[in-house]
Amino acid sequence: MDWSHPEILKLADERLQSRYGAKVQLDYIDLAQGGQAISGVGDLGEEATYPRLVINGRVKIAGDFDLRMLLDAVEAEAEIAS
């Protein structure tokens, strides 16, 4: 998936909101466009793989992922938190 497309981000946000409501917030940060990296995630150096899925400040997926993988990662994090 190309997470830079607004339609993809909108679909992902809608799916997350329908499942979790206000408990989950989806933010897309485009580092190529001068976006600020998330503090606390750390720099993985030149070999860093993008995109990254970061949940609660921790990298959960580094590299290509689709909507199903995003939802599964959020679900797993929700189960751990409860």
N, C-alpha and C. Protein backbone atom coordinates (compact mmCIF):
# COMPACT_ATOMS: atom_id res chain seq x y z
N MET A 1 0.85 -1.18 0.00
CA MET A 1 0.00 0.00 0.00
C MET A 1 0.88 1.23 0.00
N ASP A 2 0.42 2.23 -0.68
CA ASP A 2 1.12 3.51 -0.66
C ASP A 2 0.42 4.42 0.34
N TRP A 3 0.99 4.49 1.53
CA TRP A 3 0.36 5.23 2.61
C TRP A 3 0.36 6.74 2.39
N SER A 4 1.03 7.22 1.35
CA SER A 4 1.02 8.65 1.08
C SER A 4 -0.26 9.11 0.36
N HIS A 5 -1.05 8.17 -0.13
CA HIS A 5 -2.30 8.52 -0.81
C HIS A 5 -3.38 8.86 0.21
N PRO A 6 -4.00 10.02 0.08
CA PRO A 6 -5.04 10.43 1.03
C PRO A 6 -6.19 9.44 1.13
N GLU A 7 -6.54 8.77 0.02
CA GLU A 7 -7.65 7.81 0.06
C GLU A 7 -7.33 6.63 0.97
N ILE A 8 -6.09 6.17 0.92
CA ILE A 8 -5.66 5.04 1.76
C ILE A 8 -5.71 5.46 3.23
N LEU A 9 -5.18 6.64 3.52
CA LEU A 9 -5.19 7.12 4.90
C LEU A 9 -6.62 7.30 5.41
N LYS A 10 -7.50 7.81 4.57
CA LYS A 10 -8.89 8.00 4.96
C LYS A 10 -9.55 6.66 5.27
N LEU A 11 -9.33 5.67 4.41
CA LEU A 11 -9.90 4.34 4.64
C LEU A 11 -9.38 3.74 5.95
N ALA A 12 -8.08 3.84 6.17
CA ALA A 12 -7.49 3.30 7.40
C ALA A 12 -8.07 4.00 8.62
N ASP A 13 -8.18 5.33 8.55
CA ASP A 13 -8.73 6.09 9.67
C ASP A 13 -10.18 5.71 9.93
N GLU A 14 -10.97 5.56 8.87
CA GLU A 14 -12.37 5.16 9.03
C GLU A 14 -12.48 3.79 9.69
N ARG A 15 -11.65 2.85 9.26
CA ARG A 15 -11.68 1.50 9.84
C ARG A 15 -11.30 1.53 11.32
N LEU A 16 -10.26 2.30 11.64
CA LEU A 16 -9.83 2.40 13.04
C LEU A 16 -10.89 3.08 13.89
N GLN A 17 -11.48 4.15 13.39
CA GLN A 17 -12.49 4.88 14.15
C GLN A 17 -13.74 4.04 14.36
N SER A 18 -14.12 3.26 13.35
CA SER A 18 -15.32 2.42 13.51
C SER A 18 -15.09 1.32 14.53
N ARG A 19 -13.87 0.87 14.65
CA ARG A 19 -13.56 -0.21 15.58
C ARG A 19 -13.21 0.28 16.98
N TYR A 20 -12.49 1.42 17.07
CA TYR A 20 -11.96 1.87 18.36
C TYR A 20 -12.42 3.25 18.79
N GLY A 21 -13.10 3.98 17.91
CA GLY A 21 -13.54 5.32 18.26
C GLY A 21 -12.37 6.25 18.56
N ALA A 22 -12.54 7.08 19.56
CA ALA A 22 -11.54 8.08 19.90
C ALA A 22 -10.32 7.50 20.62
N LYS A 23 -10.32 6.21 20.91
CA LYS A 23 -9.17 5.59 21.59
C LYS A 23 -7.94 5.52 20.70
N VAL A 24 -8.15 5.62 19.39
CA VAL A 24 -7.04 5.47 18.43
C VAL A 24 -6.97 6.71 17.55
N GLN A 25 -5.75 7.18 17.33
CA GLN A 25 -5.53 8.32 16.45
C GLN A 25 -4.50 7.90 15.40
N LEU A 26 -4.81 8.15 14.14
CA LEU A 26 -3.91 7.83 13.04
C LEU A 26 -3.24 9.11 12.56
N ASP A 27 -1.91 9.12 12.59
CA ASP A 27 -1.14 10.25 12.09
C ASP A 27 -0.18 9.74 11.03
N TYR A 28 -0.13 10.43 9.91
CA TYR A 28 0.81 10.10 8.84
C TYR A 28 1.86 11.19 8.81
N ILE A 29 3.11 10.81 8.92
CA ILE A 29 4.21 11.77 8.90
C ILE A 29 5.10 11.44 7.71
N ASP A 30 5.19 12.37 6.78
CA ASP A 30 6.01 12.18 5.58
C ASP A 30 7.36 12.82 5.82
N LEU A 31 8.35 12.00 6.15
CA LEU A 31 9.68 12.52 6.45
C LEU A 31 10.34 13.12 5.21
N ALA A 32 9.97 12.64 4.03
CA ALA A 32 10.53 13.16 2.78
C ALA A 32 10.06 14.59 2.53
N GLN A 33 8.93 14.96 3.10
CA GLN A 33 8.39 16.31 2.92
C GLN A 33 8.72 17.22 4.11
N GLY A 34 9.70 16.82 4.90
CA GLY A 34 10.13 17.65 6.02
C GLY A 34 9.37 17.41 7.31
N GLY A 35 8.61 16.33 7.39
CA GLY A 35 7.89 16.01 8.62
C GLY A 35 8.86 15.64 9.73
N GLN A 36 8.47 15.93 10.95
CA GLN A 36 9.30 15.63 12.11
C GLN A 36 9.15 14.16 12.49
N ALA A 37 10.26 13.50 12.72
CA ALA A 37 10.23 12.12 13.20
C ALA A 37 9.61 12.08 14.59
N ILE A 38 9.04 10.98 14.95
CA ILE A 38 8.43 10.81 16.27
C ILE A 38 9.53 10.64 17.30
N SER A 39 9.52 11.48 18.31
CA SER A 39 10.55 11.38 19.33
C SER A 39 10.40 10.08 20.10
N GLY A 40 11.52 9.52 20.49
CA GLY A 40 11.51 8.29 21.25
C GLY A 40 11.53 7.03 20.41
N VAL A 41 11.30 7.16 19.10
CA VAL A 41 11.31 5.97 18.25
C VAL A 41 12.74 5.58 17.93
N GLY A 42 13.63 6.55 17.88
CA GLY A 42 15.03 6.26 17.62
C GLY A 42 15.34 6.23 16.14
N ASP A 43 16.60 6.47 15.84
CA ASP A 43 17.07 6.47 14.46
C ASP A 43 17.70 5.11 14.19
N LEU A 44 17.23 4.43 13.17
CA LEU A 44 17.77 3.13 12.82
C LEU A 44 18.89 3.24 11.80
N GLY A 45 19.35 4.47 11.51
CA GLY A 45 20.46 4.68 10.60
C GLY A 45 20.04 4.62 9.15
N GLU A 46 21.03 4.57 8.27
CA GLU A 46 20.78 4.58 6.84
C GLU A 46 20.04 3.34 6.37
N GLU A 47 20.11 2.27 7.12
CA GLU A 47 19.45 1.03 6.73
C GLU A 47 17.99 0.98 7.19
N ALA A 48 17.52 2.09 7.71
CA ALA A 48 16.14 2.14 8.19
C ALA A 48 15.17 1.83 7.06
N THR A 49 14.17 1.06 7.39
CA THR A 49 13.15 0.68 6.42
C THR A 49 11.90 1.49 6.67
N TYR A 50 11.36 2.03 5.61
CA TYR A 50 10.11 2.78 5.67
C TYR A 50 9.13 2.15 4.74
N PRO A 51 7.85 2.26 4.94
CA PRO A 51 7.22 2.97 6.05
C PRO A 51 7.37 2.22 7.35
N ARG A 52 7.00 2.90 8.41
CA ARG A 52 7.00 2.29 9.74
C ARG A 52 5.64 2.49 10.39
N LEU A 53 5.19 1.49 11.09
CA LEU A 53 4.00 1.60 11.90
C LEU A 53 4.47 1.73 13.35
N VAL A 54 4.14 2.85 13.97
CA VAL A 54 4.55 3.13 15.34
C VAL A 54 3.29 3.20 16.19
N ILE A 55 3.26 2.41 17.24
CA ILE A 55 2.12 2.41 18.16
C ILE A 55 2.66 2.68 19.55
N ASN A 56 2.12 3.72 20.17
CA ASN A 56 2.55 4.11 21.51
C ASN A 56 4.06 4.28 21.60
N GLY A 57 4.64 4.88 20.55
CA GLY A 57 6.07 5.20 20.56
C GLY A 57 7.00 4.06 20.23
N ARG A 58 6.45 2.90 19.88
CA ARG A 58 7.30 1.74 19.55
C ARG A 58 7.03 1.29 18.11
N VAL A 59 8.10 1.00 17.40
CA VAL A 59 7.97 0.51 16.03
C VAL A 59 7.40 -0.90 16.07
N LYS A 60 6.26 -1.09 15.43
CA LYS A 60 5.62 -2.42 15.36
C LYS A 60 5.89 -3.09 14.03
N ILE A 61 5.97 -2.30 12.95
CA ILE A 61 6.28 -2.84 11.63
C ILE A 61 7.23 -1.86 10.95
N ALA A 62 8.31 -2.38 10.38
CA ALA A 62 9.22 -1.58 9.58
C ALA A 62 9.27 -2.22 8.20
N GLY A 63 8.81 -1.50 7.21
CA GLY A 63 8.72 -2.02 5.85
C GLY A 63 7.27 -2.03 5.41
N ASP A 64 7.05 -2.50 4.22
CA ASP A 64 5.70 -2.48 3.65
C ASP A 64 4.70 -3.23 4.53
N PHE A 65 3.53 -2.63 4.69
CA PHE A 65 2.43 -3.28 5.39
C PHE A 65 1.13 -2.80 4.79
N ASP A 66 0.10 -3.62 4.95
CA ASP A 66 -1.20 -3.27 4.40
C ASP A 66 -2.18 -2.96 5.53
N LEU A 67 -3.39 -2.66 5.16
CA LEU A 67 -4.41 -2.29 6.13
C LEU A 67 -4.68 -3.41 7.12
N ARG A 68 -4.73 -4.64 6.66
CA ARG A 68 -4.97 -5.77 7.56
C ARG A 68 -3.87 -5.88 8.60
N MET A 69 -2.63 -5.71 8.20
CA MET A 69 -1.51 -5.77 9.15
C MET A 69 -1.60 -4.64 10.17
N LEU A 70 -1.99 -3.45 9.71
CA LEU A 70 -2.16 -2.31 10.62
C LEU A 70 -3.24 -2.63 11.65
N LEU A 71 -4.39 -3.11 11.19
CA LEU A 71 -5.49 -3.43 12.10
C LEU A 71 -5.10 -4.54 13.08
N ASP A 72 -4.38 -5.55 12.60
CA ASP A 72 -3.93 -6.63 13.48
C ASP A 72 -2.97 -6.12 14.55
N ALA A 73 -2.07 -5.22 14.17
CA ALA A 73 -1.10 -4.67 15.12
C ALA A 73 -1.81 -3.82 16.18
N VAL A 74 -2.78 -3.02 15.77
CA VAL A 74 -3.54 -2.21 16.72
C VAL A 74 -4.35 -3.12 17.65
N GLU A 75 -4.95 -4.16 17.09
CA GLU A 75 -5.72 -5.11 17.90
C GLU A 75 -4.83 -5.79 18.95
N ALA A 76 -3.65 -6.21 18.53
CA ALA A 76 -2.72 -6.85 19.48
C ALA A 76 -2.31 -5.89 20.57
N GLU A 77 -2.04 -4.65 20.22
CA GLU A 77 -1.67 -3.65 21.21
C GLU A 77 -2.82 -3.37 22.17
N ALA A 78 -4.04 -3.34 21.66
CA ALA A 78 -5.21 -3.13 22.51
C ALA A 78 -5.38 -4.28 23.50
N GLU A 79 -5.15 -5.50 23.05
CA GLU A 79 -5.26 -6.67 23.94
C GLU A 79 -4.20 -6.62 25.03
N ILE A 80 -3.01 -6.21 24.69
CA ILE A 80 -1.92 -6.13 25.67
C ILE A 80 -2.24 -5.06 26.71
N ALA A 81 -2.80 -3.94 26.25
CA ALA A 81 -3.09 -2.81 27.13
C ALA A 81 -4.23 -3.10 28.11
N SER A 82 -5.10 -4.06 27.75
CA SER A 82 -6.25 -4.29 28.64
C SER A 82 -6.03 -5.41 29.61
